[in-house]
N, C-alpha and C. Protein backbone atom coordinates (compact mmCIF):
# COMPACT_ATOMS: atom_id res chain seq x y z
N MET A 1 -3.32 85.75 -111.66
CA MET A 1 -4.20 85.96 -110.27
C MET A 1 -5.86 84.90 -110.68
N SER A 2 -6.12 84.45 -109.94
CA SER A 2 -7.65 84.11 -110.09
C SER A 2 -8.39 84.74 -109.83
N LEU A 3 -9.78 84.59 -110.65
CA LEU A 3 -10.93 85.48 -110.62
C LEU A 3 -11.28 86.12 -109.40
N PHE A 4 -11.02 85.13 -108.30
CA PHE A 4 -11.38 85.44 -107.22
C PHE A 4 -10.71 86.84 -106.71
N ALA A 5 -9.55 86.58 -106.77
CA ALA A 5 -8.17 87.64 -106.41
C ALA A 5 -8.24 88.69 -106.97
N ASP A 6 -9.10 89.26 -108.54
CA ASP A 6 -9.06 89.63 -108.97
C ASP A 6 -10.37 90.67 -108.46
N ILE A 7 -11.66 89.89 -108.50
CA ILE A 7 -12.70 90.48 -108.01
C ILE A 7 -12.50 91.38 -106.79
N LEU A 8 -11.86 90.53 -105.67
CA LEU A 8 -11.38 91.30 -104.54
C LEU A 8 -10.26 92.55 -104.75
N ASP A 9 -9.65 92.17 -105.31
CA ASP A 9 -8.60 93.81 -105.48
C ASP A 9 -9.11 94.61 -106.01
N VAL A 10 -10.13 94.59 -107.30
CA VAL A 10 -11.41 95.72 -107.26
C VAL A 10 -11.86 96.29 -106.45
N HIS A 11 -12.10 95.82 -105.40
CA HIS A 11 -13.28 96.47 -104.46
C HIS A 11 -12.02 96.61 -103.40
N THR A 12 -11.21 96.19 -102.66
CA THR A 12 -10.27 96.58 -101.60
C THR A 12 -9.70 97.54 -102.03
N ASN A 13 -9.21 97.95 -103.75
CA ASN A 13 -8.62 99.62 -103.79
C ASN A 13 -9.82 100.69 -103.75
N TRP A 14 -11.15 100.03 -104.09
CA TRP A 14 -12.25 100.90 -104.35
C TRP A 14 -12.29 101.27 -102.98
N LEU A 15 -12.92 100.39 -101.87
CA LEU A 15 -13.07 101.17 -100.40
C LEU A 15 -11.85 101.51 -100.34
N THR A 16 -10.42 101.62 -100.37
CA THR A 16 -9.25 102.48 -99.75
C THR A 16 -9.31 103.58 -100.17
N ARG A 17 -9.34 103.94 -101.40
CA ARG A 17 -9.48 105.31 -102.08
C ARG A 17 -10.26 105.92 -101.41
N LYS A 18 -11.84 105.19 -101.16
CA LYS A 18 -12.58 106.04 -100.53
C LYS A 18 -12.87 105.92 -99.07
N GLY A 19 -11.60 105.57 -98.49
CA GLY A 19 -11.33 105.54 -96.70
C GLY A 19 -12.19 104.95 -96.26
N PHE A 20 -12.38 104.07 -97.20
CA PHE A 20 -12.96 102.73 -95.91
C PHE A 20 -11.66 101.53 -95.15
N ASP A 21 -10.54 102.21 -95.28
CA ASP A 21 -9.55 101.16 -94.86
C ASP A 21 -9.25 101.11 -93.30
N GLN A 22 -8.15 100.32 -92.53
CA GLN A 22 -8.52 100.85 -91.42
C GLN A 22 -7.81 102.18 -90.90
N GLN A 23 -6.43 102.73 -91.58
CA GLN A 23 -6.77 103.99 -91.84
C GLN A 23 -7.41 105.11 -91.86
N GLY A 24 -8.00 105.03 -92.83
CA GLY A 24 -9.37 105.97 -93.01
C GLY A 24 -10.42 106.06 -92.24
N LEU A 25 -10.68 105.23 -91.75
CA LEU A 25 -11.95 104.85 -90.39
C LEU A 25 -11.12 104.75 -89.10
N GLY A 26 -10.33 105.57 -88.96
CA GLY A 26 -9.27 105.28 -87.46
C GLY A 26 -9.53 103.72 -86.53
N LEU A 27 -9.52 102.79 -87.57
CA LEU A 27 -9.34 101.91 -87.02
C LEU A 27 -7.34 101.09 -86.54
N ILE A 28 -6.67 101.68 -86.88
CA ILE A 28 -4.82 101.51 -86.59
C ILE A 28 -5.09 101.03 -85.22
N GLY A 29 -4.64 99.70 -85.36
CA GLY A 29 -3.91 99.04 -84.19
C GLY A 29 -4.86 98.51 -83.28
N THR A 30 -6.34 98.29 -83.86
CA THR A 30 -7.37 97.23 -83.58
C THR A 30 -7.16 96.12 -84.68
N ASN A 31 -8.24 95.19 -83.91
CA ASN A 31 -8.20 94.39 -84.89
C ASN A 31 -9.30 94.07 -85.91
N GLN A 32 -9.76 95.56 -86.13
CA GLN A 32 -11.36 95.40 -86.99
C GLN A 32 -10.56 96.04 -88.47
N ASP A 33 -11.05 95.52 -88.95
CA ASP A 33 -10.59 95.45 -90.80
C ASP A 33 -11.94 95.37 -91.98
N LEU A 34 -12.17 96.07 -92.71
CA LEU A 34 -13.53 96.15 -93.07
C LEU A 34 -12.96 94.84 -94.57
N LEU A 35 -11.55 95.57 -95.06
CA LEU A 35 -11.09 94.65 -96.39
C LEU A 35 -10.65 93.25 -96.00
N ASN A 36 -10.49 92.89 -94.81
CA ASN A 36 -10.07 91.38 -94.37
C ASN A 36 -11.35 90.74 -94.57
N SER A 37 -12.36 91.96 -93.75
CA SER A 37 -13.90 91.41 -93.71
C SER A 37 -14.54 90.72 -94.43
N LEU A 38 -14.59 91.63 -95.51
CA LEU A 38 -14.63 91.19 -96.62
C LEU A 38 -14.13 90.01 -97.85
N GLU A 39 -12.71 89.85 -97.36
CA GLU A 39 -12.09 88.41 -97.74
C GLU A 39 -12.39 87.57 -97.73
N ASP A 40 -12.66 87.33 -96.00
CA ASP A 40 -13.49 86.53 -95.32
C ASP A 40 -14.96 85.91 -95.95
N ALA A 41 -15.86 87.37 -95.90
CA ALA A 41 -17.11 86.76 -96.42
C ALA A 41 -17.14 86.29 -98.08
N LEU A 42 -16.71 87.54 -98.84
CA LEU A 42 -16.42 86.50 -100.44
C LEU A 42 -15.72 85.20 -100.64
N PHE A 43 -14.79 84.75 -99.48
CA PHE A 43 -13.94 83.42 -99.90
C PHE A 43 -15.23 82.14 -99.29
N HIS A 44 -15.77 82.55 -97.99
CA HIS A 44 -17.04 81.47 -97.36
C HIS A 44 -18.56 81.82 -98.10
N THR A 45 -18.66 82.62 -98.74
CA THR A 45 -19.62 82.27 -100.25
C THR A 45 -18.72 81.87 -100.77
N VAL A 46 -18.08 81.94 -101.89
CA VAL A 46 -17.54 80.96 -102.64
C VAL A 46 -17.26 79.35 -102.80
N CYS A 47 -16.93 79.61 -101.54
CA CYS A 47 -16.65 78.15 -101.33
C CYS A 47 -17.80 77.69 -100.15
N ASP A 48 -18.73 77.58 -100.00
CA ASP A 48 -19.77 77.29 -99.14
C ASP A 48 -20.04 76.32 -100.11
N LYS A 49 -20.21 74.57 -99.78
CA LYS A 49 -20.81 73.49 -100.30
C LYS A 49 -21.89 74.29 -100.69
N ASN A 50 -23.04 74.57 -100.03
CA ASN A 50 -24.48 75.15 -100.27
C ASN A 50 -24.62 76.16 -101.24
N ASN A 51 -23.69 76.70 -101.46
CA ASN A 51 -23.67 77.85 -102.80
C ASN A 51 -22.85 76.99 -104.23
N PHE A 52 -22.39 76.13 -104.10
CA PHE A 52 -21.71 75.69 -105.38
C PHE A 52 -22.28 76.07 -106.26
N TRP A 53 -23.88 74.85 -106.05
CA TRP A 53 -25.08 74.83 -107.22
C TRP A 53 -25.42 76.56 -107.59
N ALA A 54 -25.46 77.25 -106.43
CA ALA A 54 -26.51 78.42 -106.86
C ALA A 54 -26.82 79.23 -107.99
N ARG A 55 -27.98 79.74 -108.44
CA ARG A 55 -27.67 79.97 -109.70
C ARG A 55 -28.25 81.09 -109.57
N LYS A 56 -28.87 81.69 -108.00
CA LYS A 56 -29.41 83.17 -107.63
C LYS A 56 -28.43 83.98 -106.77
N PRO A 57 -28.52 85.25 -106.96
CA PRO A 57 -27.91 85.75 -106.42
C PRO A 57 -27.13 85.56 -104.85
N LEU A 58 -26.48 85.96 -104.41
CA LEU A 58 -26.04 85.25 -102.86
C LEU A 58 -25.91 86.95 -102.02
N ASP A 59 -26.59 87.23 -101.29
CA ASP A 59 -25.95 88.41 -100.39
C ASP A 59 -24.31 88.37 -99.35
N ILE A 60 -24.19 89.21 -99.41
CA ILE A 60 -23.07 89.62 -98.49
C ILE A 60 -23.54 90.46 -97.31
N ASP A 61 -23.42 90.46 -96.07
CA ASP A 61 -23.57 92.07 -95.43
C ASP A 61 -22.41 92.10 -94.47
N LEU A 62 -21.74 93.06 -94.69
CA LEU A 62 -20.70 93.64 -93.55
C LEU A 62 -21.08 94.80 -93.18
N LYS A 63 -20.56 94.57 -91.56
CA LYS A 63 -20.90 95.95 -90.75
C LYS A 63 -19.23 96.25 -90.09
N ILE A 64 -19.07 97.69 -89.77
CA ILE A 64 -17.89 98.17 -89.29
C ILE A 64 -18.30 99.40 -88.41
N THR A 65 -17.40 99.53 -88.18
CA THR A 65 -17.89 101.25 -86.61
C THR A 65 -16.57 101.78 -86.89
N GLY A 66 -16.55 102.90 -87.45
CA GLY A 66 -15.44 103.73 -87.88
C GLY A 66 -15.33 104.86 -86.56
N HIS A 67 -14.07 104.99 -86.26
CA HIS A 67 -13.95 106.42 -85.72
C HIS A 67 -13.40 107.67 -86.66
N LEU A 68 -14.48 108.75 -86.62
CA LEU A 68 -14.18 110.13 -87.51
C LEU A 68 -14.67 111.27 -86.47
N GLY A 69 -14.50 112.01 -87.94
CA GLY A 69 -14.93 113.11 -87.06
C GLY A 69 -13.57 113.80 -86.63
N ARG A 70 -14.22 114.51 -85.55
CA ARG A 70 -12.65 115.59 -85.30
C ARG A 70 -12.13 114.68 -84.22
N LEU A 71 -11.24 114.25 -84.58
CA LEU A 71 -10.15 113.97 -83.15
C LEU A 71 -10.44 112.25 -83.30
N ASN A 72 -11.57 112.13 -84.30
CA ASN A 72 -11.61 110.83 -84.54
C ASN A 72 -12.51 109.92 -83.00
N LYS A 73 -13.17 110.62 -82.66
CA LYS A 73 -13.85 110.57 -81.38
C LYS A 73 -15.38 109.94 -81.48
N GLU A 74 -15.45 109.98 -82.66
CA GLU A 74 -17.59 110.15 -83.66
C GLU A 74 -17.16 108.85 -84.18
N LEU A 75 -18.16 107.56 -83.34
CA LEU A 75 -18.28 106.70 -83.58
C LEU A 75 -19.72 106.41 -84.84
N VAL A 76 -19.12 105.90 -86.01
CA VAL A 76 -20.32 106.25 -86.93
C VAL A 76 -20.36 104.39 -88.01
N ASN A 77 -21.39 103.85 -87.62
CA ASN A 77 -21.56 102.86 -88.02
C ASN A 77 -21.82 102.50 -89.52
N PHE A 78 -20.71 101.64 -90.22
CA PHE A 78 -21.23 101.34 -91.86
C PHE A 78 -21.91 99.98 -92.24
N HIS A 79 -22.82 99.76 -92.93
CA HIS A 79 -23.79 98.48 -93.38
C HIS A 79 -23.28 98.68 -94.58
N PHE A 80 -22.22 98.20 -95.11
CA PHE A 80 -22.47 97.38 -96.10
C PHE A 80 -23.41 96.05 -97.31
N HIS A 81 -23.86 96.35 -98.19
CA HIS A 81 -24.73 95.75 -98.91
C HIS A 81 -24.09 95.16 -99.85
N TYR A 82 -23.66 93.67 -100.17
CA TYR A 82 -23.05 93.35 -101.51
C TYR A 82 -23.97 91.88 -101.71
N VAL A 83 -23.55 91.86 -103.51
CA VAL A 83 -24.10 90.51 -103.86
C VAL A 83 -23.25 90.39 -104.57
N TYR A 84 -23.60 88.83 -104.47
CA TYR A 84 -22.52 87.72 -105.42
C TYR A 84 -23.62 86.87 -106.41
N TYR A 85 -22.55 87.40 -107.90
CA TYR A 85 -23.30 86.58 -109.06
C TYR A 85 -22.41 85.53 -108.72
N PRO A 86 -23.27 84.24 -108.59
CA PRO A 86 -22.27 83.30 -109.28
C PRO A 86 -22.39 82.43 -110.11
N LYS A 87 -23.27 82.77 -111.22
CA LYS A 87 -22.94 82.54 -112.53
C LYS A 87 -22.15 83.82 -113.51
N ARG A 88 -21.99 84.00 -113.48
CA ARG A 88 -21.21 85.18 -113.97
C ARG A 88 -19.36 84.96 -113.83
N PRO A 89 -18.85 84.90 -112.54
CA PRO A 89 -19.03 85.44 -111.23
C PRO A 89 -18.55 87.08 -111.39
N LYS A 90 -19.33 87.68 -110.38
CA LYS A 90 -19.35 89.36 -110.38
C LYS A 90 -19.76 89.65 -108.73
N LEU A 91 -19.01 90.48 -108.31
CA LEU A 91 -19.51 90.85 -106.95
C LEU A 91 -19.96 92.70 -107.34
N ASN A 92 -20.81 92.75 -106.54
CA ASN A 92 -21.66 94.08 -107.14
C ASN A 92 -21.97 94.92 -105.23
N LEU A 93 -21.44 95.92 -105.10
CA LEU A 93 -22.05 96.84 -103.82
C LEU A 93 -23.20 97.94 -104.30
N LEU A 94 -24.22 97.15 -103.36
CA LEU A 94 -25.81 97.92 -103.81
C LEU A 94 -25.66 99.13 -103.00
N ALA A 95 -25.64 98.83 -101.71
CA ALA A 95 -26.02 99.65 -100.53
C ALA A 95 -24.73 100.10 -99.47
N LEU A 96 -24.39 101.48 -99.58
CA LEU A 96 -24.35 101.72 -97.65
C LEU A 96 -25.12 102.50 -97.04
N GLN A 97 -25.25 102.23 -96.05
CA GLN A 97 -25.84 102.57 -95.19
C GLN A 97 -24.92 103.14 -94.00
N ALA A 98 -24.88 104.07 -93.33
CA ALA A 98 -24.27 105.24 -91.97
C ALA A 98 -25.21 105.56 -90.93
N GLU A 99 -24.93 105.30 -89.87
CA GLU A 99 -25.79 105.69 -88.93
C GLU A 99 -24.58 106.32 -87.88
N TRP A 100 -24.96 107.38 -87.47
CA TRP A 100 -24.31 108.07 -86.45
C TRP A 100 -25.36 109.18 -85.38
N LYS A 101 -25.23 108.70 -83.92
CA LYS A 101 -26.13 108.95 -82.83
C LYS A 101 -27.33 109.18 -83.35
N GLY A 102 -28.17 107.61 -84.14
CA GLY A 102 -29.62 107.71 -84.16
C GLY A 102 -29.43 108.03 -86.08
N ILE A 103 -28.82 109.06 -86.29
CA ILE A 103 -29.34 109.71 -87.54
C ILE A 103 -29.08 108.57 -88.64
N THR A 104 -29.61 108.44 -89.21
CA THR A 104 -29.05 107.19 -90.39
C THR A 104 -29.00 108.21 -91.96
N ASN A 105 -28.51 107.71 -92.80
CA ASN A 105 -28.33 108.02 -94.36
C ASN A 105 -27.47 106.99 -95.11
N THR A 106 -28.72 106.14 -96.53
CA THR A 106 -28.08 105.61 -97.15
C THR A 106 -27.94 105.85 -98.73
N TRP A 107 -26.80 105.18 -99.27
CA TRP A 107 -26.69 105.44 -100.72
C TRP A 107 -26.68 104.39 -101.04
N LEU A 108 -27.68 104.38 -102.45
CA LEU A 108 -27.36 103.57 -103.17
C LEU A 108 -26.44 103.32 -104.63
N ILE A 109 -25.99 102.28 -104.75
CA ILE A 109 -25.09 102.26 -105.71
C ILE A 109 -25.55 101.09 -106.66
N THR A 110 -25.39 101.76 -108.10
CA THR A 110 -26.11 100.95 -108.71
C THR A 110 -24.67 100.47 -110.13
N GLY A 111 -24.70 98.96 -109.87
CA GLY A 111 -24.06 98.82 -110.86
C GLY A 111 -22.59 98.96 -110.60
N ASP A 112 -21.90 99.48 -111.56
CA ASP A 112 -20.08 99.45 -110.97
C ASP A 112 -19.83 100.93 -110.88
N ARG A 113 -20.95 101.77 -110.58
CA ARG A 113 -20.42 103.35 -110.24
C ARG A 113 -19.49 103.58 -109.47
N GLN A 114 -18.46 103.42 -109.10
CA GLN A 114 -17.93 103.42 -107.82
C GLN A 114 -17.96 105.52 -107.42
N HIS A 115 -18.24 106.21 -108.36
CA HIS A 115 -18.75 107.68 -108.10
C HIS A 115 -19.91 108.17 -106.95
N LEU A 116 -20.84 106.29 -106.68
CA LEU A 116 -21.61 106.60 -106.37
C LEU A 116 -21.78 106.42 -104.56
N LEU A 117 -20.51 106.35 -104.18
CA LEU A 117 -19.90 105.54 -103.20
C LEU A 117 -19.50 106.84 -102.42
N PRO A 118 -19.93 107.40 -101.08
CA PRO A 118 -19.13 108.57 -100.54
C PRO A 118 -17.80 108.06 -99.88
N THR A 119 -16.96 108.57 -100.08
CA THR A 119 -15.62 108.63 -98.51
C THR A 119 -16.48 108.42 -97.70
N ALA A 120 -15.65 108.00 -96.14
CA ALA A 120 -16.19 107.78 -94.94
C ALA A 120 -16.01 109.09 -94.73
N GLU A 121 -15.41 110.07 -94.99
CA GLU A 121 -15.29 111.23 -94.44
C GLU A 121 -16.85 111.93 -94.76
N HIS A 122 -17.00 111.88 -96.01
CA HIS A 122 -18.13 112.40 -96.61
C HIS A 122 -19.63 112.21 -96.18
N ALA A 123 -19.35 111.02 -95.59
CA ALA A 123 -20.37 110.40 -95.36
C ALA A 123 -21.15 110.43 -93.14
N TYR A 124 -19.91 110.64 -92.69
CA TYR A 124 -19.69 111.49 -91.33
C TYR A 124 -20.94 112.90 -91.52
N ASN A 125 -19.69 113.62 -92.58
CA ASN A 125 -20.02 115.06 -92.66
C ASN A 125 -21.62 115.12 -93.19
N GLU A 126 -21.95 114.36 -93.97
CA GLU A 126 -24.10 114.46 -94.22
C GLU A 126 -24.64 113.87 -93.00
N LEU A 127 -23.93 113.13 -92.20
CA LEU A 127 -24.91 112.55 -90.97
C LEU A 127 -24.69 113.70 -90.74
N TYR A 128 -23.59 113.97 -89.85
CA TYR A 128 -23.43 115.73 -89.31
C TYR A 128 -24.70 116.55 -89.54
N TYR A 129 -24.35 116.77 -90.58
CA TYR A 129 -25.45 117.99 -90.82
C TYR A 129 -26.70 117.60 -90.94
N LYS A 130 -26.85 116.52 -91.43
CA LYS A 130 -28.30 116.33 -90.99
C LYS A 130 -28.84 115.99 -89.70
N ALA A 131 -27.72 115.65 -88.14
CA ALA A 131 -28.70 115.58 -87.46
C ALA A 131 -28.46 117.42 -87.07
N ASN A 132 -27.82 118.28 -87.11
CA ASN A 132 -27.46 119.41 -86.66
C ASN A 132 -28.73 120.43 -87.37
N SER A 133 -29.11 119.99 -88.83
CA SER A 133 -30.07 120.86 -89.42
C SER A 133 -31.63 120.42 -88.82
N HIS A 134 -31.66 118.99 -88.28
CA HIS A 134 -32.67 118.28 -87.36
C HIS A 134 -32.86 119.54 -86.30
N ARG A 135 -31.80 119.29 -85.44
CA ARG A 135 -31.62 120.33 -84.27
C ARG A 135 -32.27 121.52 -84.51
N ILE A 136 -31.70 122.45 -85.61
CA ILE A 136 -31.76 124.04 -85.62
C ILE A 136 -33.52 123.87 -85.97
N ASN A 137 -34.35 122.86 -86.72
CA ASN A 137 -35.43 122.94 -86.80
C ASN A 137 -36.33 122.64 -85.95
N ASN A 138 -35.97 122.09 -85.28
CA ASN A 138 -36.57 121.85 -83.77
C ASN A 138 -36.62 122.43 -82.50
N ALA A 139 -35.53 123.59 -82.99
CA ALA A 139 -35.43 124.54 -82.02
C ALA A 139 -36.21 126.19 -82.39
N ILE A 140 -36.36 125.89 -83.96
CA ILE A 140 -36.84 127.23 -84.56
C ILE A 140 -38.11 126.63 -85.08
N HIS A 141 -39.04 126.35 -83.66
CA HIS A 141 -40.88 126.01 -84.52
C HIS A 141 -41.35 127.32 -84.33
N ILE A 142 -41.99 127.19 -85.57
CA ILE A 142 -43.04 127.90 -85.57
C ILE A 142 -44.30 128.23 -85.51
N SER A 143 -45.04 128.28 -84.88
CA SER A 143 -46.36 128.16 -84.49
C SER A 143 -47.04 128.99 -85.88
N PRO A 144 -48.78 128.51 -86.23
CA PRO A 144 -49.24 129.66 -86.66
C PRO A 144 -49.86 130.07 -86.18
N ARG A 145 -50.38 131.23 -87.07
CA ARG A 145 -51.02 132.52 -86.37
C ARG A 145 -52.33 132.33 -86.17
N THR A 146 -52.99 132.22 -85.11
CA THR A 146 -54.83 132.02 -84.61
C THR A 146 -55.04 133.03 -85.24
N GLU A 147 -54.85 134.29 -85.41
CA GLU A 147 -56.16 135.37 -86.01
C GLU A 147 -56.80 134.97 -86.80
N ASN A 148 -57.37 135.57 -87.32
CA ASN A 148 -58.31 135.83 -88.99
C ASN A 148 -57.00 136.32 -90.26
N PHE A 149 -57.14 136.16 -90.89
CA PHE A 149 -56.25 136.66 -91.68
C PHE A 149 -56.66 137.20 -92.85
N THR A 150 -56.66 138.57 -93.08
CA THR A 150 -57.55 138.98 -94.40
C THR A 150 -56.67 139.30 -95.51
N ALA A 151 -56.72 138.68 -96.74
CA ALA A 151 -56.36 139.66 -97.69
C ALA A 151 -56.01 141.03 -98.02
N ARG A 152 -55.42 142.10 -97.92
CA ARG A 152 -55.41 143.25 -98.56
C ARG A 152 -54.92 143.44 -100.11
N LEU A 153 -55.59 144.09 -100.81
CA LEU A 153 -55.08 144.43 -102.20
C LEU A 153 -54.99 145.90 -102.40
N HIS A 154 -53.83 146.31 -102.49
CA HIS A 154 -52.96 147.93 -102.49
C HIS A 154 -53.87 148.24 -104.03
């Protein structure tokens, strides 16, 4: 098996375990597939004649919208930021950004620490709770007292 295929296998297995495949993102029956997009992007990055002699890391950005939440009705946008190191060769996921109804969250992934990448469902749940806590905080607006406050010692 080629080094390219090995790199791709590691990342597609990782993304599948974390629920970023077609089934996990609620995309069965659509032409959207993060794993195929990653394969295409990596292939084009590696085979691009402008990158053949590249010494600096090369960015790969992938975006996909998943259907998560109750009954897979909630649209969540995911942005994966990868870096390909042609000198080694190595592919690293540096960050995942998720967005739902204007609420965003970013997870930084350092090195090969796969445990730092949340599952797709966990990312949605964090956005959901963040949105609801924001709504609750706005609903419970407590205005400061305008009276004079004097401290009493008993």
